[in-house]
Amino acid sequence: MGKKIDAVVTGGMGVRAVQGLDQGGIKAYRAIPGTVADIVRQFIKGGLEEITVDNACAQHSCH
């Protein structure tokens, strides 16, 4: 208890969702193909792309 969420990992996310998370101090990262363990390892290494308003999904087919 008492831990703060500061990041989420997802396959894709729209601009409004990114903006909402950003307002709460939460960063979003784009998942890579693979297992959850693969994704966690890449996250820890800093190997996942951060999702920003500039590279967020523009259509529902992206997320």
PDB file of N, CA and C in Angstrom:
ATOM      1  N   MET A   1       0.833  -1.181   0.000  1.00  0.00           N
ATOM      2  CA  MET A   1       0.000   0.000   0.000  1.00  0.00           C
ATOM      3  C   MET A   1       0.878   1.245   0.000  1.00  0.00           C
ATOM      4  N   GLY A   2       0.294   2.330  -0.438  1.00  0.00           N
ATOM      5  CA  GLY A   2       1.014   3.583  -0.432  1.00  0.00           C
ATOM      6  C   GLY A   2       1.925   3.792  -1.621  1.00  0.00           C
ATOM      7  N   LYS A   3       1.888   2.874  -2.592  1.00  0.00           N
ATOM      8  CA  LYS A   3       2.729   3.045  -3.774  1.00  0.00           C
ATOM      9  C   LYS A   3       1.970   3.839  -4.821  1.00  0.00           C
ATOM     10  N   LYS A   4       2.711   4.620  -5.588  1.00  0.00           N
ATOM     11  CA  LYS A   4       2.112   5.478  -6.603  1.00  0.00           C
ATOM     12  C   LYS A   4       2.374   4.902  -7.990  1.00  0.00           C
ATOM     13  N   ILE A   5       1.367   4.915  -8.830  1.00  0.00           N
ATOM     14  CA  ILE A   5       1.534   4.502 -10.222  1.00  0.00           C
ATOM     15  C   ILE A   5       2.116   5.686 -10.978  1.00  0.00           C
ATOM     16  N   ASP A   6       3.228   5.451 -11.675  1.00  0.00           N
ATOM     17  CA  ASP A   6       3.822   6.538 -12.448  1.00  0.00           C
ATOM     18  C   ASP A   6       4.022   6.169 -13.912  1.00  0.00           C
ATOM     19  N   ALA A   7       3.610   4.940 -14.294  1.00  0.00           N
ATOM     20  CA  ALA A   7       3.753   4.516 -15.685  1.00  0.00           C
ATOM     21  C   ALA A   7       2.758   3.406 -15.998  1.00  0.00           C
ATOM     22  N   VAL A   8       2.321   3.367 -17.262  1.00  0.00           N
ATOM     23  CA  VAL A   8       1.508   2.267 -17.777  1.00  0.00           C
ATOM     24  C   VAL A   8       2.127   1.810 -19.092  1.00  0.00           C
ATOM     25  N   VAL A   9       1.940   0.540 -19.405  1.00  0.00           N
ATOM     26  CA  VAL A   9       2.420  -0.016 -20.668  1.00  0.00           C
ATOM     27  C   VAL A   9       1.209  -0.549 -21.411  1.00  0.00           C
ATOM     28  N   THR A  10       1.083  -0.161 -22.672  1.00  0.00           N
ATOM     29  CA  THR A  10      -0.098  -0.517 -23.450  1.00  0.00           C
ATOM     30  C   THR A  10       0.274  -0.682 -24.921  1.00  0.00           C
ATOM     31  N   GLY A  11      -0.597  -1.329 -25.665  1.00  0.00           N
ATOM     32  CA  GLY A  11      -0.360  -1.500 -27.093  1.00  0.00           C
ATOM     33  C   GLY A  11      -0.540  -0.210 -27.867  1.00  0.00           C
ATOM     34  N   GLY A  12      -1.360   0.671 -27.377  1.00  0.00           N
ATOM     35  CA  GLY A  12      -1.606   1.951 -28.027  1.00  0.00           C
ATOM     36  C   GLY A  12      -2.563   2.774 -27.194  1.00  0.00           C
ATOM     37  N   MET A  13      -2.577   4.066 -27.446  1.00  0.00           N
ATOM     38  CA  MET A  13      -3.400   4.958 -26.639  1.00  0.00           C
ATOM     39  C   MET A  13      -3.664   6.233 -27.425  1.00  0.00           C
ATOM     40  N   GLY A  14      -4.869   6.755 -27.293  1.00  0.00           N
ATOM     41  CA  GLY A  14      -5.228   7.990 -27.963  1.00  0.00           C
ATOM     42  C   GLY A  14      -4.713   9.225 -27.246  1.00  0.00           C
ATOM     43  N   VAL A  15      -4.777  10.341 -27.939  1.00  0.00           N
ATOM     44  CA  VAL A  15      -4.243  11.602 -27.424  1.00  0.00           C
ATOM     45  C   VAL A  15      -4.914  12.011 -26.115  1.00  0.00           C
ATOM     46  N   ARG A  16      -6.235  11.917 -26.051  1.00  0.00           N
ATOM     47  CA  ARG A  16      -6.923  12.358 -24.827  1.00  0.00           C
ATOM     48  C   ARG A  16      -6.529  11.510 -23.622  1.00  0.00           C
ATOM     49  N   ALA A  17      -6.352  10.221 -23.832  1.00  0.00           N
ATOM     50  CA  ALA A  17      -5.916   9.360 -22.730  1.00  0.00           C
ATOM     51  C   ALA A  17      -4.505   9.733 -22.285  1.00  0.00           C
ATOM     52  N   VAL A  18      -3.628   9.990 -23.247  1.00  0.00           N
ATOM     53  CA  VAL A  18      -2.256  10.401 -22.924  1.00  0.00           C
ATOM     54  C   VAL A  18      -2.285  11.706 -22.135  1.00  0.00           C
ATOM     55  N   GLN A  19      -3.093  12.649 -22.575  1.00  0.00           N
ATOM     56  CA  GLN A  19      -3.186  13.933 -21.878  1.00  0.00           C
ATOM     57  C   GLN A  19      -3.701  13.749 -20.451  1.00  0.00           C
ATOM     58  N   GLY A  20      -4.698  12.894 -20.280  1.00  0.00           N
ATOM     59  CA  GLY A  20      -5.241  12.644 -18.947  1.00  0.00           C
ATOM     60  C   GLY A  20      -4.219  12.020 -18.015  1.00  0.00           C
ATOM     61  N   LEU A  21      -3.494  11.036 -18.525  1.00  0.00           N
ATOM     62  CA  LEU A  21      -2.456  10.416 -17.702  1.00  0.00           C
ATOM     63  C   LEU A  21      -1.359  11.420 -17.373  1.00  0.00           C
ATOM     64  N   ASP A  22      -0.982  12.207 -18.372  1.00  0.00           N
ATOM     65  CA  ASP A  22       0.070  13.207 -18.179  1.00  0.00           C
ATOM     66  C   ASP A  22      -0.307  14.192 -17.072  1.00  0.00           C
ATOM     67  N   GLN A  23      -1.564  14.589 -17.038  1.00  0.00           N
ATOM     68  CA  GLN A  23      -2.019  15.506 -15.989  1.00  0.00           C
ATOM     69  C   GLN A  23      -1.874  14.892 -14.603  1.00  0.00           C
ATOM     70  N   GLY A  24      -1.944  13.567 -14.538  1.00  0.00           N
ATOM     71  CA  GLY A  24      -1.782  12.872 -13.267  1.00  0.00           C
ATOM     72  C   GLY A  24      -0.349  12.460 -12.988  1.00  0.00           C
ATOM     73  N   GLY A  25       0.578  12.885 -13.856  1.00  0.00           N
ATOM     74  CA  GLY A  25       1.981  12.548 -13.649  1.00  0.00           C
ATOM     75  C   GLY A  25       2.333  11.119 -14.026  1.00  0.00           C
ATOM     76  N   ILE A  26       1.517  10.517 -14.900  1.00  0.00           N
ATOM     77  CA  ILE A  26       1.731   9.128 -15.308  1.00  0.00           C
ATOM     78  C   ILE A  26       2.172   9.096 -16.765  1.00  0.00           C
ATOM     79  N   LYS A  27       3.274   8.398 -17.033  1.00  0.00           N
ATOM     80  CA  LYS A  27       3.770   8.250 -18.397  1.00  0.00           C
ATOM     81  C   LYS A  27       3.233   6.955 -18.997  1.00  0.00           C
ATOM     82  N   ALA A  28       3.009   6.970 -20.303  1.00  0.00           N
ATOM     83  CA  ALA A  28       2.537   5.785 -21.018  1.00  0.00           C
ATOM     84  C   ALA A  28       3.647   5.302 -21.947  1.00  0.00           C
ATOM     85  N   TYR A  29       3.794   3.988 -22.040  1.00  0.00           N
ATOM     86  CA  TYR A  29       4.813   3.382 -22.894  1.00  0.00           C
ATOM     87  C   TYR A  29       4.163   2.354 -23.803  1.00  0.00           C
ATOM     88  N   ARG A  30       4.677   2.254 -25.029  1.00  0.00           N
ATOM     89  CA  ARG A  30       4.154   1.325 -26.023  1.00  0.00           C
ATOM     90  C   ARG A  30       4.760  -0.059 -25.807  1.00  0.00           C
ATOM     91  N   ALA A  31       3.898  -1.057 -25.685  1.00  0.00           N
ATOM     92  CA  ALA A  31       4.351  -2.436 -25.502  1.00  0.00           C
ATOM     93  C   ALA A  31       4.990  -2.958 -26.786  1.00  0.00           C
ATOM     94  N   ILE A  32       5.855  -3.937 -26.618  1.00  0.00           N
ATOM     95  CA  ILE A  32       6.477  -4.628 -27.741  1.00  0.00           C
ATOM     96  C   ILE A  32       5.857  -6.019 -27.839  1.00  0.00           C
ATOM     97  N   PRO A  33       5.968  -6.669 -28.987  1.00  0.00           N
ATOM     98  CA  PRO A  33       5.487  -8.054 -29.063  1.00  0.00           C
ATOM     99  C   PRO A  33       6.310  -8.939 -28.127  1.00  0.00           C
ATOM    100  N   GLY A  34       5.655  -9.882 -27.501  1.00  0.00           N
ATOM    101  CA  GLY A  34       6.351 -10.802 -26.611  1.00  0.00           C
ATOM    102  C   GLY A  34       5.540 -11.082 -25.368  1.00  0.00           C
ATOM    103  N   THR A  35       6.170 -11.726 -24.438  1.00  0.00           N
ATOM    104  CA  THR A  35       5.511 -12.063 -23.177  1.00  0.00           C
ATOM    105  C   THR A  35       5.546 -10.860 -22.238  1.00  0.00           C
ATOM    106  N   VAL A  36       4.769 -10.949 -21.187  1.00  0.00           N
ATOM    107  CA  VAL A  36       4.793  -9.888 -20.175  1.00  0.00           C
ATOM    108  C   VAL A  36       6.207  -9.752 -19.613  1.00  0.00           C
ATOM    109  N   ALA A  37       6.873 -10.873 -19.396  1.00  0.00           N
ATOM    110  CA  ALA A  37       8.248 -10.833 -18.879  1.00  0.00           C
ATOM    111  C   ALA A  37       9.171 -10.090 -19.841  1.00  0.00           C
ATOM    112  N   ASP A  38       9.015 -10.323 -21.151  1.00  0.00           N
ATOM    113  CA  ASP A  38       9.825  -9.613 -22.154  1.00  0.00           C
ATOM    114  C   ASP A  38       9.588  -8.107 -22.065  1.00  0.00           C
ATOM    115  N   ILE A  39       8.331  -7.738 -21.946  1.00  0.00           N
ATOM    116  CA  ILE A  39       7.967  -6.317 -21.904  1.00  0.00           C
ATOM    117  C   ILE A  39       8.512  -5.664 -20.637  1.00  0.00           C
ATOM    118  N   VAL A  40       8.391  -6.349 -19.513  1.00  0.00           N
ATOM    119  CA  VAL A  40       8.910  -5.806 -18.249  1.00  0.00           C
ATOM    120  C   VAL A  40      10.419  -5.623 -18.338  1.00  0.00           C
ATOM    121  N   ARG A  41      11.116  -6.602 -18.899  1.00  0.00           N
ATOM    122  CA  ARG A  41      12.576  -6.476 -19.045  1.00  0.00           C
ATOM    123  C   ARG A  41      12.937  -5.254 -19.887  1.00  0.00           C
ATOM    124  N   GLN A  42      12.220  -5.066 -20.996  1.00  0.00           N
ATOM    125  CA  GLN A  42      12.499  -3.910 -21.851  1.00  0.00           C
ATOM    126  C   GLN A  42      12.173  -2.599 -21.136  1.00  0.00           C
ATOM    127  N   PHE A  43      11.099  -2.590 -20.359  1.00  0.00           N
ATOM    128  CA  PHE A  43      10.738  -1.393 -19.601  1.00  0.00           C
ATOM    129  C   PHE A  43      11.848  -1.039 -18.618  1.00  0.00           C
ATOM    130  N   ILE A  44      12.321  -2.028 -17.889  1.00  0.00           N
ATOM    131  CA  ILE A  44      13.384  -1.798 -16.899  1.00  0.00           C
ATOM    132  C   ILE A  44      14.652  -1.277 -17.572  1.00  0.00           C
ATOM    133  N   LYS A  45      14.950  -1.783 -18.763  1.00  0.00           N
ATOM    134  CA  LYS A  45      16.135  -1.339 -19.514  1.00  0.00           C
ATOM    135  C   LYS A  45      15.947   0.031 -20.158  1.00  0.00           C
ATOM    136  N   GLY A  46      14.718   0.551 -20.137  1.00  0.00           N
ATOM    137  CA  GLY A  46      14.440   1.815 -20.815  1.00  0.00           C
ATOM    138  C   GLY A  46      14.228   1.633 -22.307  1.00  0.00           C
ATOM    139  N   GLY A  47      13.856   0.411 -22.707  1.00  0.00           N
ATOM    140  CA  GLY A  47      13.746   0.092 -24.121  1.00  0.00           C
ATOM    141  C   GLY A  47      12.363   0.240 -24.728  1.00  0.00           C
ATOM    142  N   LEU A  48      11.397   0.764 -23.981  1.00  0.00           N
ATOM    143  CA  LEU A  48      10.061   0.963 -24.539  1.00  0.00           C
ATOM    144  C   LEU A  48       9.879   2.421 -24.938  1.00  0.00           C
ATOM    145  N   GLU A  49       9.184   2.617 -26.040  1.00  0.00           N
ATOM    146  CA  GLU A  49       8.918   3.971 -26.538  1.00  0.00           C
ATOM    147  C   GLU A  49       7.847   4.641 -25.679  1.00  0.00           C
ATOM    148  N   GLU A  50       8.117   5.856 -25.238  1.00  0.00           N
ATOM    149  CA  GLU A  50       7.109   6.606 -24.498  1.00  0.00           C
ATOM    150  C   GLU A  50       6.046   7.095 -25.474  1.00  0.00           C
ATOM    151  N   ILE A  51       4.789   6.968 -25.091  1.00  0.00           N
ATOM    152  CA  ILE A  51       3.687   7.473 -25.908  1.00  0.00           C
ATOM    153  C   ILE A  51       3.426   8.911 -25.476  1.00  0.00           C
ATOM    154  N   THR A  52       3.478   9.815 -26.431  1.00  0.00           N
ATOM    155  CA  THR A  52       3.237  11.236 -26.171  1.00  0.00           C
ATOM    156  C   THR A  52       2.091  11.705 -27.065  1.00  0.00           C
ATOM    157  N   VAL A  53       1.681  12.948 -26.903  1.00  0.00           N
ATOM    158  CA  VAL A  53       0.624  13.472 -27.774  1.00  0.00           C
ATOM    159  C   VAL A  53       1.090  13.503 -29.230  1.00  0.00           C
ATOM    160  N   ASP A  54       2.389  13.552 -29.449  1.00  0.00           N
ATOM    161  CA  ASP A  54       2.917  13.595 -30.814  1.00  0.00           C
ATOM    162  C   ASP A  54       2.894  12.239 -31.517  1.00  0.00           C
ATOM    163  N   ASN A  55       2.943  11.139 -30.758  1.00  0.00           N
ATOM    164  CA  ASN A  55       2.964   9.824 -31.400  1.00  0.00           C
ATOM    165  C   ASN A  55       1.820   8.918 -30.938  1.00  0.00           C
ATOM    166  N   ALA A  56       0.814   9.509 -30.291  1.00  0.00           N
ATOM    167  CA  ALA A  56      -0.344   8.735 -29.835  1.00  0.00           C
ATOM    168  C   ALA A  56      -1.186   8.306 -31.033  1.00  0.00           C
ATOM    169  N   CYS A  57      -2.014   7.314 -30.811  1.00  0.00           N
ATOM    170  CA  CYS A  57      -2.894   6.811 -31.868  1.00  0.00           C
ATOM    171  C   CYS A  57      -3.904   7.880 -32.274  1.00  0.00           C
ATOM    172  N   ALA A  58      -4.144   7.949 -33.565  1.00  0.00           N
ATOM    173  CA  ALA A  58      -5.110   8.918 -34.075  1.00  0.00           C
ATOM    174  C   ALA A  58      -6.441   8.257 -34.422  1.00  0.00           C
ATOM    175  N   GLN A  59      -6.450   6.928 -34.544  1.00  0.00           N
ATOM    176  CA  GLN A  59      -7.674   6.208 -34.893  1.00  0.00           C
ATOM    177  C   GLN A  59      -7.771   4.950 -34.047  1.00  0.00           C
ATOM    178  N   HIS A  60      -8.973   4.404 -33.929  1.00  0.00           N
ATOM    179  CA  HIS A  60      -9.192   3.237 -33.084  1.00  0.00           C
ATOM    180  C   HIS A  60      -8.474   1.988 -33.575  1.00  0.00           C
ATOM    181  N   SER A  61      -8.082   1.936 -34.821  1.00  0.00           N
ATOM    182  CA  SER A  61      -7.389   0.749 -35.320  1.00  0.00           C
ATOM    183  C   SER A  61      -5.991   0.627 -34.719  1.00  0.00           C
ATOM    184  N   CYS A  62      -5.515   1.681 -34.106  1.00  0.00           N
ATOM    185  CA  CYS A  62      -4.174   1.702 -33.521  1.00  0.00           C
ATOM    186  C   CYS A  62      -4.163   1.164 -32.092  1.00  0.00           C
ATOM    187  N   HIS A  63      -5.273   1.259 -31.387  1.00  0.00           N
ATOM    188  CA  HIS A  63      -5.299   0.812 -29.987  1.00  0.00           C
ATOM    189  C   HIS A  63      -6.532   0.013 -29.675  1.00  0.00           C
TER     190      HIS A  63
END
